Amino acid sequence: MVSLDFLDDDNKAKIVALWKSMTESDKAHFINQVALALSIWGSDEKGKKVVVQVLKLMGNNGTNTLADFGLYVDRVLGAEGTAGLEDKIKRAALIIEGYRIKNALPSEPHHELF
């Protein structure tokens, strides 16, 4: 399980609110994408911190579903805590993109329109 301890309170609240509002199908897609990423990055603390970096990007970008996780994976390249994982991040992004295509998930993040 990925700990949200590395997230600030604002992003934690966003993630929890998104989770509560998601369909069971979207929750499953989020879990599957995170599992794919961790299988490549490693499920140690370093891998989990990269997941948290992706979640931060998602929260800051205003996505309205965690099922968009795979769309943000390659955006963490160069972010804090990702040094030495560049090839693994690129590989995870490619594999998750295949998962998203196979499951007919959108190629653009979902955003609320105000």
N, C-alpha and C. Protein backbone atom coordinates (compact mmCIF):
# COMPACT_ATOMS: atom_id res chain seq x y z
N MET A 1 0.84 -1.18 0.00
CA MET A 1 0.00 0.00 0.00
C MET A 1 0.88 1.24 0.00
N VAL A 2 0.48 2.22 -0.77
CA VAL A 2 1.23 3.47 -0.85
C VAL A 2 0.74 4.39 0.26
N SER A 3 1.68 4.90 1.04
CA SER A 3 1.34 5.80 2.13
C SER A 3 1.25 7.23 1.60
N LEU A 4 0.26 7.93 2.08
CA LEU A 4 0.10 9.34 1.68
C LEU A 4 0.86 10.27 2.62
N ASP A 5 1.72 9.72 3.47
CA ASP A 5 2.46 10.53 4.43
C ASP A 5 3.35 11.57 3.77
N PHE A 6 3.75 11.33 2.52
CA PHE A 6 4.63 12.26 1.82
C PHE A 6 3.87 13.42 1.19
N LEU A 7 2.55 13.39 1.24
CA LEU A 7 1.72 14.45 0.66
C LEU A 7 1.37 15.51 1.70
N ASP A 8 1.25 16.73 1.24
CA ASP A 8 0.79 17.79 2.13
C ASP A 8 -0.71 17.60 2.37
N ASP A 9 -1.23 18.25 3.39
CA ASP A 9 -2.63 18.05 3.78
C ASP A 9 -3.62 18.41 2.67
N ASP A 10 -3.33 19.45 1.90
CA ASP A 10 -4.22 19.86 0.82
C ASP A 10 -4.34 18.76 -0.23
N ASN A 11 -3.19 18.20 -0.66
CA ASN A 11 -3.22 17.13 -1.66
C ASN A 11 -3.83 15.85 -1.10
N LYS A 12 -3.60 15.56 0.18
CA LYS A 12 -4.23 14.39 0.80
C LYS A 12 -5.75 14.52 0.72
N ALA A 13 -6.25 15.70 1.05
CA ALA A 13 -7.69 15.94 1.02
C ALA A 13 -8.24 15.77 -0.39
N LYS A 14 -7.51 16.27 -1.39
CA LYS A 14 -7.93 16.13 -2.78
C LYS A 14 -8.01 14.66 -3.18
N ILE A 15 -6.98 13.90 -2.82
CA ILE A 15 -6.92 12.48 -3.19
C ILE A 15 -8.06 11.71 -2.54
N VAL A 16 -8.30 11.95 -1.27
CA VAL A 16 -9.39 11.26 -0.56
C VAL A 16 -10.74 11.63 -1.18
N ALA A 17 -10.94 12.91 -1.48
CA ALA A 17 -12.21 13.34 -2.08
C ALA A 17 -12.40 12.70 -3.46
N LEU A 18 -11.33 12.65 -4.25
CA LEU A 18 -11.42 12.02 -5.56
C LEU A 18 -11.78 10.54 -5.42
N TRP A 19 -11.12 9.86 -4.50
CA TRP A 19 -11.37 8.43 -4.30
C TRP A 19 -12.84 8.18 -3.96
N LYS A 20 -13.36 8.99 -3.07
CA LYS A 20 -14.75 8.81 -2.62
C LYS A 20 -15.75 9.03 -3.75
N SER A 21 -15.40 9.87 -4.71
CA SER A 21 -16.34 10.21 -5.78
C SER A 21 -16.21 9.29 -7.01
N MET A 22 -15.21 8.42 -7.01
CA MET A 22 -14.95 7.59 -8.19
C MET A 22 -15.85 6.36 -8.25
N THR A 23 -16.08 5.90 -9.47
CA THR A 23 -16.82 4.64 -9.66
C THR A 23 -15.90 3.48 -9.29
N GLU A 24 -16.49 2.33 -9.05
CA GLU A 24 -15.68 1.15 -8.74
C GLU A 24 -14.77 0.79 -9.91
N SER A 25 -15.23 0.99 -11.11
CA SER A 25 -14.42 0.71 -12.30
C SER A 25 -13.19 1.62 -12.34
N ASP A 26 -13.39 2.92 -12.10
CA ASP A 26 -12.25 3.85 -12.09
C ASP A 26 -11.28 3.53 -10.96
N LYS A 27 -11.80 3.13 -9.80
CA LYS A 27 -10.93 2.73 -8.69
C LYS A 27 -10.06 1.55 -9.10
N ALA A 28 -10.66 0.58 -9.78
CA ALA A 28 -9.90 -0.59 -10.24
C ALA A 28 -8.83 -0.19 -11.25
N HIS A 29 -9.15 0.71 -12.17
CA HIS A 29 -8.16 1.17 -13.14
C HIS A 29 -7.01 1.89 -12.44
N PHE A 30 -7.30 2.71 -11.46
CA PHE A 30 -6.26 3.40 -10.70
C PHE A 30 -5.35 2.38 -10.02
N ILE A 31 -5.95 1.43 -9.32
CA ILE A 31 -5.17 0.42 -8.59
C ILE A 31 -4.30 -0.38 -9.57
N ASN A 32 -4.85 -0.76 -10.70
CA ASN A 32 -4.09 -1.53 -11.69
C ASN A 32 -2.91 -0.74 -12.24
N GLN A 33 -3.11 0.54 -12.50
CA GLN A 33 -2.03 1.36 -13.04
C GLN A 33 -0.93 1.56 -12.01
N VAL A 34 -1.30 1.78 -10.76
CA VAL A 34 -0.30 1.92 -9.70
C VAL A 34 0.46 0.61 -9.53
N ALA A 35 -0.25 -0.51 -9.57
CA ALA A 35 0.40 -1.82 -9.44
C ALA A 35 1.39 -2.06 -10.58
N LEU A 36 1.01 -1.70 -11.80
CA LEU A 36 1.93 -1.83 -12.93
C LEU A 36 3.17 -0.97 -12.71
N ALA A 37 2.97 0.27 -12.28
CA ALA A 37 4.10 1.17 -12.05
C ALA A 37 5.03 0.61 -10.98
N LEU A 38 4.46 0.18 -9.86
CA LEU A 38 5.28 -0.35 -8.78
C LEU A 38 6.00 -1.64 -9.16
N SER A 39 5.40 -2.41 -10.06
CA SER A 39 6.06 -3.65 -10.49
C SER A 39 7.32 -3.33 -11.29
N ILE A 40 7.37 -2.16 -11.88
CA ILE A 40 8.53 -1.74 -12.66
C ILE A 40 9.50 -0.93 -11.80
N TRP A 41 8.97 0.03 -11.02
CA TRP A 41 9.82 0.88 -10.20
C TRP A 41 10.32 0.19 -8.96
N GLY A 42 9.58 -0.79 -8.49
CA GLY A 42 9.87 -1.43 -7.21
C GLY A 42 8.90 -0.91 -6.17
N SER A 43 8.51 -1.78 -5.27
CA SER A 43 7.53 -1.39 -4.26
C SER A 43 8.20 -0.94 -2.97
N ASP A 44 9.47 -0.59 -3.06
CA ASP A 44 10.18 -0.06 -1.90
C ASP A 44 9.80 1.40 -1.68
N GLU A 45 10.41 2.03 -0.72
CA GLU A 45 10.08 3.43 -0.41
C GLU A 45 10.32 4.36 -1.60
N LYS A 46 11.38 4.10 -2.36
CA LYS A 46 11.68 4.96 -3.51
C LYS A 46 10.57 4.87 -4.56
N GLY A 47 10.11 3.65 -4.85
CA GLY A 47 9.02 3.47 -5.80
C GLY A 47 7.73 4.12 -5.32
N LYS A 48 7.45 3.97 -4.04
CA LYS A 48 6.24 4.57 -3.47
C LYS A 48 6.30 6.09 -3.50
N LYS A 49 7.49 6.64 -3.31
CA LYS A 49 7.64 8.10 -3.38
C LYS A 49 7.36 8.61 -4.79
N VAL A 50 7.70 7.82 -5.80
CA VAL A 50 7.41 8.24 -7.17
C VAL A 50 5.90 8.23 -7.40
N VAL A 51 5.20 7.25 -6.85
CA VAL A 51 3.73 7.24 -6.94
C VAL A 51 3.17 8.50 -6.30
N VAL A 52 3.71 8.87 -5.17
CA VAL A 52 3.25 10.08 -4.49
C VAL A 52 3.54 11.32 -5.34
N GLN A 53 4.68 11.34 -6.03
CA GLN A 53 4.98 12.46 -6.92
C GLN A 53 3.93 12.57 -8.03
N VAL A 54 3.52 11.42 -8.56
CA VAL A 54 2.47 11.42 -9.59
C VAL A 54 1.18 11.96 -9.00
N LEU A 55 0.83 11.51 -7.80
CA LEU A 55 -0.39 11.98 -7.15
C LEU A 55 -0.35 13.49 -6.91
N LYS A 56 0.81 14.01 -6.55
CA LYS A 56 0.96 15.47 -6.37
C LYS A 56 0.68 16.20 -7.68
N LEU A 57 1.27 15.70 -8.76
CA LEU A 57 1.03 16.32 -10.06
C LEU A 57 -0.44 16.31 -10.42
N MET A 58 -1.09 15.18 -10.16
CA MET A 58 -2.51 15.06 -10.46
C MET A 58 -3.32 16.07 -9.65
N GLY A 59 -3.01 16.17 -8.37
CA GLY A 59 -3.73 17.11 -7.51
C GLY A 59 -3.51 18.55 -7.93
N ASN A 60 -2.28 18.87 -8.29
CA ASN A 60 -1.96 20.24 -8.71
C ASN A 60 -2.52 20.58 -10.08
N ASN A 61 -2.76 19.56 -10.92
CA ASN A 61 -3.27 19.79 -12.27
C ASN A 61 -4.80 19.82 -12.32
N GLY A 62 -5.44 19.45 -11.24
CA GLY A 62 -6.89 19.54 -11.19
C GLY A 62 -7.65 18.37 -11.79
N THR A 63 -7.00 17.22 -11.94
CA THR A 63 -7.72 16.06 -12.47
C THR A 63 -8.86 15.69 -11.52
N ASN A 64 -9.94 15.12 -12.07
CA ASN A 64 -11.07 14.77 -11.20
C ASN A 64 -11.28 13.27 -11.07
N THR A 65 -10.27 12.48 -11.47
CA THR A 65 -10.32 11.04 -11.24
C THR A 65 -8.91 10.48 -11.13
N LEU A 66 -8.71 9.61 -10.17
CA LEU A 66 -7.40 8.98 -10.01
C LEU A 66 -7.12 7.97 -11.12
N ALA A 67 -8.14 7.62 -11.89
CA ALA A 67 -7.96 6.72 -13.02
C ALA A 67 -7.08 7.35 -14.10
N ASP A 68 -6.81 8.65 -14.00
CA ASP A 68 -5.92 9.34 -14.92
C ASP A 68 -4.44 9.12 -14.57
N PHE A 69 -4.17 8.34 -13.54
CA PHE A 69 -2.80 8.13 -13.04
C PHE A 69 -1.79 7.93 -14.17
N GLY A 70 -2.07 7.05 -15.09
CA GLY A 70 -1.13 6.72 -16.17
C GLY A 70 -0.78 7.87 -17.08
N LEU A 71 -1.65 8.86 -17.15
CA LEU A 71 -1.39 10.02 -18.00
C LEU A 71 -0.31 10.94 -17.41
N TYR A 72 -0.02 10.76 -16.14
CA TYR A 72 0.92 11.64 -15.44
C TYR A 72 2.27 10.99 -15.16
N VAL A 73 2.41 9.71 -15.43
CA VAL A 73 3.62 8.99 -15.07
C VAL A 73 4.86 9.61 -15.67
N ASP A 74 4.86 9.88 -16.96
CA ASP A 74 6.08 10.42 -17.58
C ASP A 74 6.35 11.87 -17.19
N ARG A 75 5.38 12.52 -16.59
CA ARG A 75 5.57 13.92 -16.17
C ARG A 75 6.41 14.05 -14.91
N VAL A 76 6.70 12.95 -14.22
CA VAL A 76 7.51 13.03 -13.01
C VAL A 76 9.00 12.92 -13.30
N LEU A 77 9.35 12.73 -14.58
CA LEU A 77 10.77 12.67 -14.93
C LEU A 77 11.46 13.95 -14.45
N GLY A 78 12.52 13.79 -13.69
CA GLY A 78 13.26 14.93 -13.16
C GLY A 78 12.72 15.48 -11.86
N ALA A 79 11.58 14.95 -11.39
CA ALA A 79 11.02 15.42 -10.13
C ALA A 79 11.84 14.88 -8.96
N GLU A 80 11.68 15.51 -7.82
CA GLU A 80 12.37 15.09 -6.61
C GLU A 80 12.10 13.61 -6.32
N GLY A 81 13.15 12.87 -6.03
CA GLY A 81 13.00 11.46 -5.69
C GLY A 81 12.99 10.51 -6.86
N THR A 82 13.17 11.03 -8.08
CA THR A 82 13.11 10.15 -9.25
C THR A 82 14.49 9.88 -9.86
N ALA A 83 15.54 10.44 -9.29
CA ALA A 83 16.89 10.25 -9.83
C ALA A 83 17.22 8.76 -9.87
N GLY A 84 17.76 8.34 -11.00
CA GLY A 84 18.14 6.95 -11.19
C GLY A 84 17.00 6.06 -11.67
N LEU A 85 15.81 6.60 -11.75
CA LEU A 85 14.65 5.81 -12.18
C LEU A 85 14.13 6.22 -13.55
N GLU A 86 14.88 7.05 -14.26
CA GLU A 86 14.39 7.59 -15.52
C GLU A 86 13.95 6.51 -16.51
N ASP A 87 14.79 5.49 -16.71
CA ASP A 87 14.45 4.42 -17.66
C ASP A 87 13.23 3.65 -17.18
N LYS A 88 13.14 3.41 -15.89
CA LYS A 88 12.00 2.68 -15.35
C LYS A 88 10.71 3.50 -15.45
N ILE A 89 10.82 4.79 -15.28
CA ILE A 89 9.64 5.66 -15.41
C ILE A 89 9.15 5.66 -16.85
N LYS A 90 10.07 5.76 -17.80
CA LYS A 90 9.70 5.72 -19.22
C LYS A 90 9.07 4.37 -19.57
N ARG A 91 9.64 3.30 -19.06
CA ARG A 91 9.09 1.96 -19.33
C ARG A 91 7.69 1.82 -18.73
N ALA A 92 7.52 2.29 -17.50
CA ALA A 92 6.20 2.22 -16.86
C ALA A 92 5.18 3.03 -17.65
N ALA A 93 5.57 4.22 -18.11
CA ALA A 93 4.65 5.06 -18.88
C ALA A 93 4.20 4.33 -20.14
N LEU A 94 5.12 3.66 -20.81
CA LEU A 94 4.79 2.93 -22.04
C LEU A 94 3.85 1.75 -21.75
N ILE A 95 4.14 0.99 -20.71
CA ILE A 95 3.31 -0.17 -20.36
C ILE A 95 1.92 0.28 -19.91
N ILE A 96 1.87 1.32 -19.11
CA ILE A 96 0.57 1.82 -18.64
C ILE A 96 -0.23 2.41 -19.80
N GLU A 97 0.46 3.03 -20.75
CA GLU A 97 -0.25 3.53 -21.94
C GLU A 97 -0.92 2.37 -22.67
N GLY A 98 -0.23 1.24 -22.78
CA GLY A 98 -0.82 0.05 -23.39
C GLY A 98 -2.04 -0.43 -22.62
N TYR A 99 -1.95 -0.41 -21.29
CA TYR A 99 -3.08 -0.78 -20.44
C TYR A 99 -4.26 0.15 -20.71
N ARG A 100 -3.99 1.44 -20.80
CA ARG A 100 -5.04 2.42 -21.01
C ARG A 100 -5.71 2.22 -22.37
N ILE A 101 -4.92 1.94 -23.39
CA ILE A 101 -5.48 1.70 -24.72
C ILE A 101 -6.33 0.44 -24.71
N LYS A 102 -5.81 -0.63 -24.12
CA LYS A 102 -6.53 -1.90 -24.06
C LYS A 102 -7.88 -1.75 -23.36
N ASN A 103 -7.93 -0.88 -22.36
CA ASN A 103 -9.15 -0.69 -21.58
C ASN A 103 -9.96 0.53 -22.02
N ALA A 104 -9.62 1.09 -23.17
CA ALA A 104 -10.34 2.23 -23.76
C ALA A 104 -10.46 3.41 -22.80
N LEU A 105 -9.38 3.68 -22.07
CA LEU A 105 -9.35 4.84 -21.19
C LEU A 105 -8.92 6.07 -21.98
N PRO A 106 -9.37 7.25 -21.59
CA PRO A 106 -9.05 8.47 -22.34
C PRO A 106 -7.55 8.77 -22.37
N SER A 107 -7.14 9.50 -23.39
CA SER A 107 -5.74 9.88 -23.52
C SER A 107 -5.49 11.30 -23.01
N GLU A 108 -6.51 11.93 -22.51
CA GLU A 108 -6.41 13.27 -21.92
C GLU A 108 -6.98 13.23 -20.50
N PRO A 109 -6.39 13.97 -19.57
CA PRO A 109 -6.91 13.98 -18.19
C PRO A 109 -8.33 14.55 -18.11
N HIS A 110 -9.08 14.07 -17.17
CA HIS A 110 -10.42 14.59 -16.88
C HIS A 110 -10.26 15.81 -15.98
N HIS A 111 -10.91 16.89 -16.34
CA HIS A 111 -10.86 18.11 -15.54
C HIS A 111 -12.28 18.63 -15.35
N GLU A 112 -12.47 19.28 -14.24
CA GLU A 112 -13.76 19.94 -13.98
C GLU A 112 -13.80 21.22 -14.80
N LEU A 113 -14.92 21.50 -15.39
CA LEU A 113 -15.08 22.77 -16.11
C LEU A 113 -15.85 23.72 -15.20
N PHE A 114 -15.26 24.88 -15.00
CA PHE A 114 -15.91 25.87 -14.13
C PHE A 114 -16.51 26.97 -14.95
